[in-house]
N, C-alpha and C. Protein backbone atom coordinates (compact mmCIF):
# COMPACT_ATOMS: atom_id res chain seq x y z
N UNK A 1 -33.17 70.59 33.07
CA UNK A 1 -34.26 70.04 32.26
C UNK A 1 -35.09 69.05 33.07
N UNK A 2 -34.43 68.20 33.84
CA UNK A 2 -35.14 67.20 34.64
C UNK A 2 -36.00 67.87 35.70
N UNK A 3 -35.45 68.93 36.34
CA UNK A 3 -36.20 69.64 37.37
C UNK A 3 -37.43 70.32 36.77
N UNK A 4 -37.27 70.94 35.59
CA UNK A 4 -38.39 71.60 34.94
C UNK A 4 -39.48 70.60 34.56
N UNK A 5 -39.04 69.43 34.06
CA UNK A 5 -40.01 68.40 33.69
C UNK A 5 -40.78 67.90 34.91
N UNK A 6 -40.07 67.75 36.02
CA UNK A 6 -40.72 67.30 37.26
C UNK A 6 -41.74 68.31 37.74
N UNK A 7 -41.38 69.61 37.67
CA UNK A 7 -42.30 70.66 38.09
C UNK A 7 -43.54 70.68 37.21
N UNK A 8 -43.34 70.53 35.90
CA UNK A 8 -44.47 70.52 34.96
C UNK A 8 -45.38 69.32 35.21
N UNK A 9 -44.75 68.19 35.50
CA UNK A 9 -45.53 66.98 35.77
C UNK A 9 -46.35 67.13 37.04
N UNK A 10 -45.73 67.69 38.09
CA UNK A 10 -46.43 67.88 39.35
C UNK A 10 -47.57 68.88 39.20
N UNK A 11 -47.34 69.93 38.38
CA UNK A 11 -48.37 70.95 38.18
C UNK A 11 -49.55 70.40 37.38
N UNK A 12 -49.25 69.48 36.47
CA UNK A 12 -50.31 68.95 35.62
C UNK A 12 -51.04 67.77 36.22
N UNK A 13 -50.51 67.19 37.31
CA UNK A 13 -51.12 66.01 37.90
C UNK A 13 -52.55 66.25 38.37
N UNK A 14 -52.86 67.37 39.08
CA UNK A 14 -54.26 67.59 39.49
C UNK A 14 -55.23 67.63 38.32
N UNK A 15 -54.79 68.24 37.19
CA UNK A 15 -55.67 68.32 36.02
C UNK A 15 -55.85 66.94 35.39
N UNK A 16 -54.79 66.13 35.42
CA UNK A 16 -54.89 64.78 34.87
C UNK A 16 -55.84 63.93 35.70
N UNK A 17 -55.77 64.10 37.03
CA UNK A 17 -56.67 63.34 37.92
C UNK A 17 -58.12 63.77 37.69
N UNK A 18 -58.34 65.08 37.56
CA UNK A 18 -59.70 65.59 37.34
C UNK A 18 -60.27 65.12 36.02
N UNK A 19 -59.39 64.88 35.03
CA UNK A 19 -59.86 64.43 33.73
C UNK A 19 -60.53 63.06 33.82
N UNK A 20 -60.12 62.26 34.80
CA UNK A 20 -60.69 60.93 34.97
C UNK A 20 -61.81 60.91 36.02
N UNK A 21 -62.17 62.06 36.57
CA UNK A 21 -63.22 62.13 37.58
C UNK A 21 -64.57 61.82 36.95
N UNK A 22 -65.45 61.20 37.73
CA UNK A 22 -66.79 60.90 37.23
C UNK A 22 -67.81 61.79 37.91
N UNK A 23 -68.98 61.86 37.32
CA UNK A 23 -70.05 62.70 37.84
C UNK A 23 -70.63 62.08 39.11
N UNK A 24 -71.26 62.89 39.97
CA UNK A 24 -71.94 62.33 41.15
C UNK A 24 -73.01 61.32 40.73
N UNK A 25 -73.25 60.34 41.57
CA UNK A 25 -74.27 59.34 41.28
C UNK A 25 -75.00 58.97 42.56
N UNK A 26 -76.14 58.31 42.40
CA UNK A 26 -76.97 58.01 43.55
C UNK A 26 -77.43 56.56 43.55
N UNK A 27 -77.78 56.08 44.74
CA UNK A 27 -78.30 54.74 44.90
C UNK A 27 -79.46 54.77 45.91
N UNK A 28 -80.62 54.31 45.48
CA UNK A 28 -81.78 54.29 46.38
C UNK A 28 -81.53 53.29 47.51
N UNK A 29 -81.86 53.70 48.74
CA UNK A 29 -81.55 52.87 49.91
C UNK A 29 -82.79 52.41 50.68
N UNK A 30 -83.94 52.94 50.36
CA UNK A 30 -85.14 52.54 51.07
C UNK A 30 -86.10 53.70 51.24
N UNK A 31 -87.23 53.41 51.81
CA UNK A 31 -88.22 54.45 52.08
C UNK A 31 -89.17 53.99 53.19
N UNK A 32 -89.89 54.93 53.74
CA UNK A 32 -90.89 54.61 54.75
C UNK A 32 -91.94 55.72 54.76
N UNK A 33 -93.10 55.40 55.29
CA UNK A 33 -94.19 56.36 55.37
C UNK A 33 -94.30 56.85 56.81
N UNK A 34 -94.15 58.15 56.99
CA UNK A 34 -94.20 58.69 58.34
C UNK A 34 -95.64 58.88 58.79
N UNK A 35 -95.83 59.37 60.00
CA UNK A 35 -97.15 59.41 60.63
C UNK A 35 -98.18 60.24 59.88
N UNK A 36 -97.74 61.24 59.10
CA UNK A 36 -98.70 62.08 58.37
C UNK A 36 -99.02 61.54 56.98
N UNK A 37 -98.54 60.32 56.66
CA UNK A 37 -98.85 59.69 55.38
C UNK A 37 -97.89 60.02 54.26
N UNK A 38 -96.91 60.86 54.50
CA UNK A 38 -95.94 61.23 53.45
C UNK A 38 -94.82 60.20 53.42
N UNK A 39 -94.47 59.74 52.23
CA UNK A 39 -93.41 58.75 52.06
C UNK A 39 -92.07 59.44 51.92
N UNK A 40 -91.14 59.06 52.75
CA UNK A 40 -89.78 59.60 52.74
C UNK A 40 -88.86 58.57 52.11
N UNK A 41 -88.02 59.00 51.19
CA UNK A 41 -87.07 58.09 50.56
C UNK A 41 -85.65 58.44 51.01
N UNK A 42 -84.84 57.40 51.16
CA UNK A 42 -83.43 57.58 51.52
C UNK A 42 -82.58 57.27 50.29
N UNK A 43 -81.64 58.15 50.00
CA UNK A 43 -80.79 58.02 48.82
C UNK A 43 -79.34 58.22 49.22
N UNK A 44 -78.48 57.32 48.79
CA UNK A 44 -77.04 57.49 49.00
C UNK A 44 -76.49 58.31 47.84
N UNK A 45 -76.00 59.49 48.14
CA UNK A 45 -75.48 60.41 47.13
C UNK A 45 -73.95 60.41 47.17
N UNK A 46 -73.33 59.96 46.08
CA UNK A 46 -71.88 59.83 46.01
C UNK A 46 -71.28 60.92 45.11
N UNK A 47 -70.09 61.37 45.49
CA UNK A 47 -69.30 62.25 44.64
C UNK A 47 -67.96 61.57 44.38
N UNK A 48 -67.25 62.05 43.40
CA UNK A 48 -65.99 61.40 43.02
C UNK A 48 -64.94 61.56 44.12
N UNK A 49 -64.32 60.45 44.50
CA UNK A 49 -63.27 60.49 45.52
C UNK A 49 -61.90 60.65 44.94
N UNK A 50 -61.80 60.78 43.59
CA UNK A 50 -60.54 60.93 42.88
C UNK A 50 -59.59 59.76 43.18
N UNK A 51 -58.76 59.87 44.18
CA UNK A 51 -57.78 58.82 44.44
C UNK A 51 -58.18 57.91 45.60
N UNK A 52 -59.38 58.08 46.13
CA UNK A 52 -59.81 57.25 47.25
C UNK A 52 -61.25 56.80 47.06
N UNK A 53 -61.83 56.28 48.13
CA UNK A 53 -63.23 55.85 48.08
C UNK A 53 -64.14 57.05 47.84
N UNK A 54 -65.21 56.84 47.12
CA UNK A 54 -66.14 57.93 46.82
C UNK A 54 -66.89 58.34 48.10
N UNK A 55 -66.77 59.61 48.50
CA UNK A 55 -67.51 60.07 49.69
C UNK A 55 -69.01 59.99 49.45
N UNK A 56 -69.76 59.68 50.49
CA UNK A 56 -71.20 59.50 50.37
C UNK A 56 -71.92 60.27 51.47
N UNK A 57 -73.09 60.75 51.13
CA UNK A 57 -74.00 61.37 52.10
C UNK A 57 -75.37 60.76 51.89
N UNK A 58 -76.01 60.34 52.96
CA UNK A 58 -77.37 59.79 52.86
C UNK A 58 -78.35 60.94 52.97
N UNK A 59 -79.15 61.11 51.91
CA UNK A 59 -80.13 62.20 51.87
C UNK A 59 -81.54 61.64 52.04
N UNK A 60 -82.35 62.38 52.79
CA UNK A 60 -83.74 61.99 53.01
C UNK A 60 -84.62 63.00 52.29
N UNK A 61 -85.46 62.47 51.38
CA UNK A 61 -86.19 63.35 50.46
C UNK A 61 -87.69 63.15 50.53
N UNK A 62 -88.41 64.26 50.28
CA UNK A 62 -89.86 64.23 50.14
C UNK A 62 -90.22 63.72 48.74
N UNK A 63 -91.48 63.40 48.49
CA UNK A 63 -91.88 62.92 47.17
C UNK A 63 -91.52 63.87 46.02
N UNK A 64 -91.45 65.19 46.30
CA UNK A 64 -91.11 66.14 45.23
C UNK A 64 -89.60 66.24 44.99
N UNK A 65 -88.80 65.46 45.76
CA UNK A 65 -87.35 65.45 45.55
C UNK A 65 -86.57 66.38 46.46
N UNK A 66 -87.25 67.21 47.22
CA UNK A 66 -86.53 68.14 48.10
C UNK A 66 -85.93 67.40 49.28
N UNK A 67 -84.71 67.81 49.67
CA UNK A 67 -83.97 67.17 50.76
C UNK A 67 -84.34 67.83 52.08
N UNK A 68 -84.82 67.03 53.04
CA UNK A 68 -85.20 67.61 54.33
C UNK A 68 -84.14 67.34 55.41
N UNK A 69 -83.24 66.38 55.14
CA UNK A 69 -82.14 66.09 56.08
C UNK A 69 -81.10 65.26 55.33
N UNK A 70 -79.87 65.30 55.83
CA UNK A 70 -78.82 64.49 55.22
C UNK A 70 -77.69 64.29 56.23
N UNK A 71 -76.97 63.21 56.07
CA UNK A 71 -75.81 62.94 56.92
C UNK A 71 -74.60 63.68 56.38
N UNK A 72 -73.58 63.80 57.22
CA UNK A 72 -72.33 64.40 56.76
C UNK A 72 -71.69 63.48 55.72
N UNK A 73 -71.02 64.07 54.76
CA UNK A 73 -70.37 63.28 53.72
C UNK A 73 -69.17 62.54 54.34
N UNK A 74 -69.04 61.26 54.01
CA UNK A 74 -67.99 60.44 54.61
C UNK A 74 -67.45 59.43 53.60
N UNK A 75 -66.24 58.99 53.82
CA UNK A 75 -65.65 57.91 53.02
C UNK A 75 -65.90 56.55 53.67
N UNK A 76 -66.55 56.53 54.83
CA UNK A 76 -66.86 55.26 55.50
C UNK A 76 -67.84 54.45 54.66
N UNK A 77 -67.83 53.15 54.88
CA UNK A 77 -68.83 52.27 54.27
C UNK A 77 -70.15 52.49 55.00
N UNK A 78 -71.22 52.69 54.26
CA UNK A 78 -72.51 53.06 54.84
C UNK A 78 -73.55 51.97 54.57
N UNK A 79 -74.31 51.64 55.59
CA UNK A 79 -75.44 50.72 55.44
C UNK A 79 -76.69 51.42 55.97
N UNK A 80 -77.72 51.46 55.15
CA UNK A 80 -78.99 52.09 55.52
C UNK A 80 -79.99 50.98 55.87
N UNK A 81 -80.63 51.11 57.01
CA UNK A 81 -81.52 50.05 57.51
C UNK A 81 -82.87 50.63 57.90
N UNK A 82 -83.92 50.07 57.32
CA UNK A 82 -85.28 50.50 57.69
C UNK A 82 -85.67 49.94 59.05
N UNK A 83 -86.27 50.77 59.87
CA UNK A 83 -86.78 50.34 61.17
C UNK A 83 -88.22 50.80 61.29
N UNK A 84 -88.87 50.41 62.36
CA UNK A 84 -90.25 50.83 62.60
C UNK A 84 -90.30 52.35 62.80
N UNK A 85 -90.94 53.03 61.88
CA UNK A 85 -91.10 54.47 62.01
C UNK A 85 -89.87 55.28 61.70
N UNK A 86 -88.91 54.74 60.99
CA UNK A 86 -87.72 55.51 60.66
C UNK A 86 -86.67 54.73 59.89
N UNK A 87 -85.52 55.35 59.74
CA UNK A 87 -84.40 54.75 59.03
C UNK A 87 -83.13 54.99 59.83
N UNK A 88 -82.28 53.97 59.92
CA UNK A 88 -81.00 54.10 60.61
C UNK A 88 -79.87 54.05 59.59
N UNK A 89 -78.84 54.85 59.85
CA UNK A 89 -77.66 54.88 58.99
C UNK A 89 -76.45 54.46 59.82
N UNK A 90 -75.84 53.34 59.44
CA UNK A 90 -74.65 52.82 60.11
C UNK A 90 -73.42 53.17 59.27
N UNK A 91 -72.43 53.78 59.89
CA UNK A 91 -71.19 54.13 59.20
C UNK A 91 -70.06 53.24 59.73
N UNK A 92 -69.39 52.54 58.82
CA UNK A 92 -68.33 51.60 59.20
C UNK A 92 -66.97 52.13 58.72
N UNK A 93 -66.12 52.57 59.65
CA UNK A 93 -64.79 53.04 59.25
C UNK A 93 -63.94 51.95 58.63
N UNK A 94 -64.23 50.69 58.98
CA UNK A 94 -63.42 49.57 58.51
C UNK A 94 -64.32 48.37 58.27
N UNK A 95 -64.31 47.85 57.01
CA UNK A 95 -65.13 46.68 56.70
C UNK A 95 -64.52 45.40 57.25
N UNK A 96 -63.21 45.39 57.53
CA UNK A 96 -62.58 44.18 58.06
C UNK A 96 -63.11 43.87 59.45
N UNK A 97 -63.28 44.90 60.26
CA UNK A 97 -63.89 44.75 61.59
C UNK A 97 -65.16 45.59 61.56
N UNK A 98 -66.27 44.99 61.11
CA UNK A 98 -67.48 45.77 60.83
C UNK A 98 -68.28 46.16 62.07
N UNK A 99 -67.68 47.02 62.87
CA UNK A 99 -68.38 47.61 64.01
C UNK A 99 -68.58 49.09 63.69
N UNK A 100 -69.81 49.55 63.71
CA UNK A 100 -70.12 50.91 63.29
C UNK A 100 -69.43 51.95 64.17
N UNK A 101 -68.86 52.97 63.52
CA UNK A 101 -68.29 54.07 64.28
C UNK A 101 -69.37 55.03 64.75
N UNK A 102 -70.47 55.09 63.98
CA UNK A 102 -71.58 55.95 64.36
C UNK A 102 -72.89 55.38 63.81
N UNK A 103 -73.96 55.67 64.51
CA UNK A 103 -75.30 55.26 64.08
C UNK A 103 -76.21 56.48 64.21
N UNK A 104 -76.89 56.81 63.12
CA UNK A 104 -77.82 57.93 63.14
C UNK A 104 -79.21 57.44 62.77
N UNK A 105 -80.23 58.08 63.35
CA UNK A 105 -81.62 57.68 63.09
C UNK A 105 -82.42 58.87 62.59
N UNK A 106 -83.16 58.60 61.52
CA UNK A 106 -84.05 59.62 60.96
C UNK A 106 -85.49 59.18 61.18
N UNK A 107 -86.29 60.04 61.84
CA UNK A 107 -87.66 59.67 62.19
C UNK A 107 -88.70 60.25 61.23
N UNK A 108 -88.22 60.85 60.15
CA UNK A 108 -89.13 61.48 59.18
C UNK A 108 -89.10 62.98 59.24
N UNK A 109 -88.51 63.51 60.33
CA UNK A 109 -88.46 64.96 60.50
C UNK A 109 -87.05 65.45 60.79
N UNK A 110 -86.33 64.71 61.64
CA UNK A 110 -84.98 65.15 62.00
C UNK A 110 -84.05 63.96 62.12
N UNK A 111 -82.77 64.24 62.03
CA UNK A 111 -81.73 63.22 62.11
C UNK A 111 -81.04 63.34 63.46
N UNK A 112 -81.00 62.24 64.22
CA UNK A 112 -80.40 62.27 65.55
C UNK A 112 -79.34 61.18 65.68
N UNK A 113 -78.38 61.41 66.55
CA UNK A 113 -77.33 60.43 66.81
C UNK A 113 -77.86 59.37 67.78
N UNK A 114 -77.76 58.11 67.38
CA UNK A 114 -78.21 57.01 68.26
C UNK A 114 -77.10 56.00 68.48
N UNK A 115 -75.86 56.49 68.47
CA UNK A 115 -74.72 55.61 68.69
C UNK A 115 -74.70 55.17 70.15
N UNK A 116 -74.96 53.90 70.36
CA UNK A 116 -74.96 53.30 71.70
C UNK A 116 -74.22 51.97 71.62
N UNK A 117 -73.69 51.49 72.73
CA UNK A 117 -73.00 50.19 72.69
C UNK A 117 -73.86 49.08 72.10
N UNK A 118 -75.15 49.08 72.41
CA UNK A 118 -76.03 48.03 71.87
C UNK A 118 -76.18 48.17 70.37
N UNK A 119 -76.30 49.41 69.86
CA UNK A 119 -76.44 49.62 68.42
C UNK A 119 -75.15 49.25 67.69
N UNK A 120 -74.02 49.53 68.31
CA UNK A 120 -72.74 49.18 67.68
C UNK A 120 -72.55 47.67 67.64
N UNK A 121 -73.02 46.97 68.67
CA UNK A 121 -72.95 45.51 68.66
C UNK A 121 -73.88 44.96 67.59
N UNK A 122 -75.06 45.55 67.45
CA UNK A 122 -76.00 45.13 66.42
C UNK A 122 -75.44 45.35 65.02
N UNK A 123 -74.53 46.32 64.89
CA UNK A 123 -74.00 46.66 63.57
C UNK A 123 -73.24 45.50 62.93
N UNK A 124 -72.72 44.58 63.73
CA UNK A 124 -72.07 43.39 63.16
C UNK A 124 -73.06 42.60 62.30
N UNK A 125 -74.27 42.40 62.83
CA UNK A 125 -75.30 41.69 62.10
C UNK A 125 -75.82 42.53 60.93
N UNK A 126 -75.97 43.84 61.14
CA UNK A 126 -76.46 44.72 60.08
C UNK A 126 -75.51 44.68 58.88
N UNK A 127 -74.23 44.76 59.13
CA UNK A 127 -73.24 44.73 58.05
C UNK A 127 -73.28 43.39 57.32
N UNK A 128 -73.33 42.30 58.09
CA UNK A 128 -73.33 40.96 57.48
C UNK A 128 -74.58 40.76 56.65
N UNK A 129 -75.72 41.15 57.16
CA UNK A 129 -76.98 40.96 56.43
C UNK A 129 -77.01 41.81 55.16
N UNK A 130 -76.49 43.03 55.24
CA UNK A 130 -76.50 43.91 54.07
C UNK A 130 -75.63 43.39 52.95
N UNK A 131 -74.61 42.59 53.30
CA UNK A 131 -73.67 42.09 52.28
C UNK A 131 -73.73 40.57 52.14
N UNK A 132 -74.88 39.98 52.46
CA UNK A 132 -75.01 38.52 52.35
C UNK A 132 -74.75 38.04 50.92
N UNK A 133 -75.18 38.79 49.93
CA UNK A 133 -74.97 38.40 48.54
C UNK A 133 -73.48 38.34 48.22
N UNK A 134 -72.73 39.36 48.70
CA UNK A 134 -71.29 39.36 48.45
C UNK A 134 -70.60 38.19 49.16
N UNK A 135 -71.03 37.93 50.41
CA UNK A 135 -70.45 36.80 51.14
C UNK A 135 -70.73 35.48 50.42
N UNK A 136 -71.98 35.30 49.95
CA UNK A 136 -72.35 34.07 49.26
C UNK A 136 -71.55 33.92 47.96
N UNK A 137 -71.38 35.02 47.23
CA UNK A 137 -70.63 34.97 45.97
C UNK A 137 -69.17 34.61 46.21
N UNK A 138 -68.57 35.25 47.22
CA UNK A 138 -67.16 34.97 47.52
C UNK A 138 -66.97 33.53 47.99
N UNK A 139 -67.88 33.05 48.85
CA UNK A 139 -67.77 31.66 49.31
C UNK A 139 -67.96 30.68 48.15
N UNK A 140 -68.88 31.01 47.24
CA UNK A 140 -69.09 30.14 46.09
C UNK A 140 -67.87 30.07 45.19
N UNK A 141 -67.27 31.22 44.92
CA UNK A 141 -66.07 31.24 44.07
C UNK A 141 -64.90 30.55 44.77
N UNK A 142 -64.80 30.74 46.10
CA UNK A 142 -63.75 30.06 46.85
C UNK A 142 -63.93 28.55 46.76
N UNK A 143 -65.19 28.09 46.82
CA UNK A 143 -65.46 26.67 46.67
C UNK A 143 -65.04 26.15 45.30
N UNK A 144 -65.22 26.97 44.25
CA UNK A 144 -64.79 26.56 42.92
C UNK A 144 -63.28 26.40 42.84
N UNK A 145 -62.55 27.31 43.49
CA UNK A 145 -61.09 27.20 43.48
C UNK A 145 -60.64 25.96 44.24
N UNK A 146 -61.28 25.68 45.38
CA UNK A 146 -60.93 24.48 46.14
C UNK A 146 -61.24 23.23 45.33
N UNK A 147 -62.41 23.23 44.67
CA UNK A 147 -62.75 22.10 43.82
C UNK A 147 -61.79 21.93 42.67
N UNK A 148 -61.37 23.06 42.08
CA UNK A 148 -60.39 23.00 41.00
C UNK A 148 -59.06 22.44 41.46
N UNK A 149 -58.66 22.79 42.67
CA UNK A 149 -57.40 22.28 43.23
C UNK A 149 -57.43 20.75 43.37
N UNK A 150 -58.53 20.26 43.92
CA UNK A 150 -58.65 18.80 44.09
C UNK A 150 -58.78 18.10 42.74
N UNK A 151 -59.42 18.77 41.78
CA UNK A 151 -59.54 18.19 40.45
C UNK A 151 -58.18 18.05 39.78
N UNK A 152 -57.36 19.10 39.90
CA UNK A 152 -56.01 19.04 39.33
C UNK A 152 -55.17 18.02 40.07
N UNK A 153 -55.37 17.93 41.38
CA UNK A 153 -54.61 16.98 42.18
C UNK A 153 -54.88 15.53 41.76
N UNK A 154 -56.08 15.29 41.22
CA UNK A 154 -56.43 13.93 40.81
C UNK A 154 -55.80 13.52 39.48
N UNK A 155 -55.19 14.48 38.76
CA UNK A 155 -54.55 14.15 37.48
C UNK A 155 -53.29 13.34 37.75
N UNK A 156 -53.09 12.21 37.06
CA UNK A 156 -51.87 11.39 37.28
C UNK A 156 -50.61 12.18 36.95
N UNK A 157 -49.56 11.97 37.76
CA UNK A 157 -48.29 12.69 37.55
C UNK A 157 -47.32 11.85 36.73
N UNK A 158 -47.70 11.61 35.48
CA UNK A 158 -46.81 10.86 34.58
C UNK A 158 -47.00 11.36 33.16
N UNK A 159 -45.88 11.39 32.43
CA UNK A 159 -45.90 11.80 31.04
C UNK A 159 -46.46 13.20 30.83
N UNK A 160 -47.24 13.33 29.77
CA UNK A 160 -47.85 14.62 29.44
C UNK A 160 -48.78 15.09 30.55
N UNK A 161 -49.44 14.15 31.21
CA UNK A 161 -50.37 14.49 32.28
C UNK A 161 -49.68 15.20 33.44
N UNK A 162 -48.39 14.86 33.66
CA UNK A 162 -47.64 15.52 34.73
C UNK A 162 -47.47 17.00 34.44
N UNK A 163 -47.19 17.32 33.16
CA UNK A 163 -47.07 18.73 32.76
C UNK A 163 -48.41 19.43 32.92
N UNK A 164 -49.47 18.75 32.50
CA UNK A 164 -50.81 19.32 32.64
C UNK A 164 -51.15 19.55 34.11
N UNK A 165 -50.72 18.64 34.96
CA UNK A 165 -50.99 18.75 36.40
C UNK A 165 -50.29 19.97 36.99
N UNK A 166 -49.01 20.15 36.64
CA UNK A 166 -48.25 21.30 37.15
C UNK A 166 -48.87 22.60 36.65
N UNK A 167 -49.22 22.64 35.35
CA UNK A 167 -49.85 23.83 34.80
C UNK A 167 -51.18 24.14 35.46
N UNK A 168 -51.92 23.08 35.80
CA UNK A 168 -53.19 23.26 36.49
C UNK A 168 -53.01 23.86 37.87
N UNK A 169 -52.02 23.35 38.61
CA UNK A 169 -51.73 23.90 39.94
C UNK A 169 -51.36 25.38 39.85
N UNK A 170 -50.53 25.72 38.87
CA UNK A 170 -50.11 27.12 38.71
C UNK A 170 -51.30 28.01 38.38
N UNK A 171 -52.17 27.54 37.47
CA UNK A 171 -53.33 28.32 37.06
C UNK A 171 -54.29 28.54 38.25
N UNK A 172 -54.54 27.48 39.02
CA UNK A 172 -55.44 27.61 40.16
C UNK A 172 -54.85 28.53 41.22
N UNK A 173 -53.54 28.38 41.50
CA UNK A 173 -52.89 29.22 42.50
C UNK A 173 -52.89 30.69 42.08
N UNK A 174 -52.62 30.95 40.79
CA UNK A 174 -52.61 32.33 40.30
C UNK A 174 -54.01 32.93 40.36
N UNK A 175 -55.00 32.16 39.91
CA UNK A 175 -56.37 32.65 39.95
C UNK A 175 -56.84 32.92 41.37
N UNK A 176 -56.50 32.02 42.29
CA UNK A 176 -56.89 32.20 43.69
C UNK A 176 -56.22 33.43 44.30
N UNK A 177 -54.95 33.68 43.96
CA UNK A 177 -54.23 34.85 44.48
C UNK A 177 -54.87 36.14 44.00
N UNK A 178 -55.19 36.21 42.71
CA UNK A 178 -55.85 37.40 42.17
C UNK A 178 -57.23 37.58 42.79
N UNK A 179 -57.91 36.47 43.00
CA UNK A 179 -59.24 36.51 43.62
C UNK A 179 -59.16 37.08 45.04
N UNK A 180 -58.19 36.62 45.82
CA UNK A 180 -58.03 37.10 47.19
C UNK A 180 -57.71 38.59 47.20
N UNK A 181 -56.82 39.05 46.31
CA UNK A 181 -56.48 40.47 46.25
C UNK A 181 -57.70 41.30 45.89
N UNK A 182 -58.51 40.81 44.95
CA UNK A 182 -59.72 41.54 44.56
C UNK A 182 -60.70 41.63 45.72
N UNK A 183 -60.87 40.53 46.43
CA UNK A 183 -61.81 40.51 47.56
C UNK A 183 -61.36 41.47 48.66
N UNK A 184 -60.07 41.43 49.00
CA UNK A 184 -59.56 42.26 50.09
C UNK A 184 -59.57 43.74 49.75
N UNK A 185 -59.46 44.08 48.46
CA UNK A 185 -59.34 45.49 48.09
C UNK A 185 -60.63 46.11 47.60
N UNK A 186 -61.54 45.32 47.05
CA UNK A 186 -62.70 45.92 46.38
C UNK A 186 -64.05 45.48 46.91
N UNK A 187 -64.12 44.41 47.68
CA UNK A 187 -65.42 43.91 48.15
C UNK A 187 -65.60 44.27 49.62
N UNK A 188 -66.71 44.92 49.99
CA UNK A 188 -66.91 45.39 51.38
C UNK A 188 -67.34 44.27 52.32
N UNK A 189 -66.46 43.29 52.54
CA UNK A 189 -66.77 42.21 53.46
C UNK A 189 -65.62 42.03 54.44
N UNK A 190 -65.91 41.36 55.54
CA UNK A 190 -64.90 41.11 56.58
C UNK A 190 -64.33 39.70 56.42
N UNK A 191 -62.99 39.56 56.35
CA UNK A 191 -62.40 38.23 56.28
C UNK A 191 -62.76 37.37 57.49
N UNK A 192 -62.95 38.00 58.64
CA UNK A 192 -63.27 37.25 59.85
C UNK A 192 -64.68 36.66 59.77
N UNK A 193 -65.65 37.48 59.34
CA UNK A 193 -67.01 36.97 59.18
C UNK A 193 -67.05 35.96 58.04
N UNK A 194 -66.24 36.20 57.00
CA UNK A 194 -66.18 35.25 55.89
C UNK A 194 -65.70 33.88 56.38
N UNK A 195 -64.70 33.87 57.25
CA UNK A 195 -64.20 32.60 57.81
C UNK A 195 -65.27 31.92 58.66
N UNK A 196 -66.01 32.72 59.43
CA UNK A 196 -67.08 32.15 60.26
C UNK A 196 -68.16 31.52 59.39
N UNK A 197 -68.60 32.25 58.35
CA UNK A 197 -69.61 31.72 57.45
C UNK A 197 -69.10 30.51 56.69
N UNK A 198 -67.79 30.55 56.32
CA UNK A 198 -67.20 29.40 55.64
C UNK A 198 -67.17 28.18 56.54
N UNK A 199 -66.85 28.39 57.82
CA UNK A 199 -66.84 27.28 58.78
C UNK A 199 -68.23 26.70 58.98
N UNK A 200 -69.24 27.59 59.05
CA UNK A 200 -70.62 27.12 59.21
C UNK A 200 -71.06 26.33 57.97
N UNK A 201 -70.71 26.85 56.79
CA UNK A 201 -71.07 26.16 55.55
C UNK A 201 -70.42 24.79 55.47
N UNK A 202 -69.14 24.71 55.87
CA UNK A 202 -68.44 23.43 55.85
C UNK A 202 -69.05 22.45 56.84
N UNK A 203 -69.39 22.96 58.02
CA UNK A 203 -70.00 22.09 59.04
C UNK A 203 -71.35 21.55 58.59
N UNK A 204 -72.08 22.33 57.80
CA UNK A 204 -73.37 21.86 57.28
C UNK A 204 -73.19 20.93 56.08
N UNK A 205 -72.11 21.16 55.31
CA UNK A 205 -71.91 20.38 54.10
C UNK A 205 -71.39 18.97 54.38
N UNK A 206 -70.51 18.84 55.36
CA UNK A 206 -69.89 17.54 55.62
C UNK A 206 -70.91 16.45 55.98
N UNK A 207 -71.88 16.70 56.88
CA UNK A 207 -72.87 15.65 57.15
C UNK A 207 -73.67 15.25 55.91
N UNK A 208 -74.01 16.24 55.07
CA UNK A 208 -74.75 15.94 53.84
C UNK A 208 -73.90 15.08 52.92
N UNK A 209 -72.60 15.38 52.86
CA UNK A 209 -71.70 14.60 52.01
C UNK A 209 -71.61 13.15 52.51
N UNK A 210 -71.51 13.00 53.83
CA UNK A 210 -71.45 11.64 54.39
C UNK A 210 -72.75 10.88 54.12
N UNK A 211 -73.88 11.59 54.19
CA UNK A 211 -75.16 10.96 53.93
C UNK A 211 -75.24 10.44 52.50
N UNK A 212 -74.75 11.23 51.54
CA UNK A 212 -74.76 10.79 50.14
C UNK A 212 -73.83 9.61 49.94
N UNK A 213 -72.69 9.61 50.63
CA UNK A 213 -71.75 8.49 50.50
C UNK A 213 -72.37 7.20 51.03
N UNK A 214 -73.05 7.29 52.16
CA UNK A 214 -73.70 6.11 52.73
C UNK A 214 -74.83 5.63 51.81
N UNK A 215 -75.55 6.57 51.21
CA UNK A 215 -76.64 6.20 50.31
C UNK A 215 -76.09 5.49 49.07
N UNK A 216 -74.96 5.99 48.53
CA UNK A 216 -74.38 5.35 47.36
C UNK A 216 -73.81 3.98 47.70
N UNK A 217 -73.22 3.87 48.90
CA UNK A 217 -72.65 2.57 49.31
C UNK A 217 -73.75 1.53 49.51
N UNK A 218 -74.90 1.97 49.96
CA UNK A 218 -76.01 1.04 50.16
C UNK A 218 -76.59 0.60 48.83
C-alpha cells in the first residue's frame, strides 16, 4: 500500500506543479529610434519556471508588435541598458557577484555578442545602477532595524521594563533574521555591494551627525 501511494504521489506531482503555473508575462525594458526613424522597443518576456526562477528572453519589437530579434531564454538575471544607437543586454548568472556572463548588443537590425573584459567590468556598475532602488530600500530597512535595536537597548532593565526589553530584543532579532533571509533569497542584489554602499552611507552620515551634535551643544 505504501509503495502504491508513493508511485501515485510521484505520478501526480507534475500535474500538481502545473496547476500552480502562471501564464507568461512581460516587462517593458526600454526603446530607441534607429537610423530610419522606426522606434524599436525591448521587452522582457517571462515564462513560468515552475520550481525555479522564471526563464526570460529579451525581445526586440517593431511598432506593430512583430519580433525582429530576441535573446536565448535564460534563468540568469537580466539587465537591459540603452546605449547610443542600440540596446545592450547583460546576463548575470549570479547576483551575489554581479559580473555579467554575457553581453549582447542590438543595433536595431541584428543581435551580436559584445562580451569583452571591459564590458564585463562595466557590468558591476550596470547591475548596481539598475537595482539602486532595491539597494536603497534594503539599506533603509536595515537602518530601521539598527535603530530599533538601540531603542530597545535604551529601555531600563528593571521590573516590567526588563521583560519589555527582552521581548524587544527578541522581536528585533527575529524580524532582522527574516529580513536577511528574504533579501538573500528574493531580492536581486549583491551582499558585497550592499556592504560597500552601507559603508559609504555610514561614512557620510557620521560627519553630519557630529555637526548636529556640535550645533545642539552650542
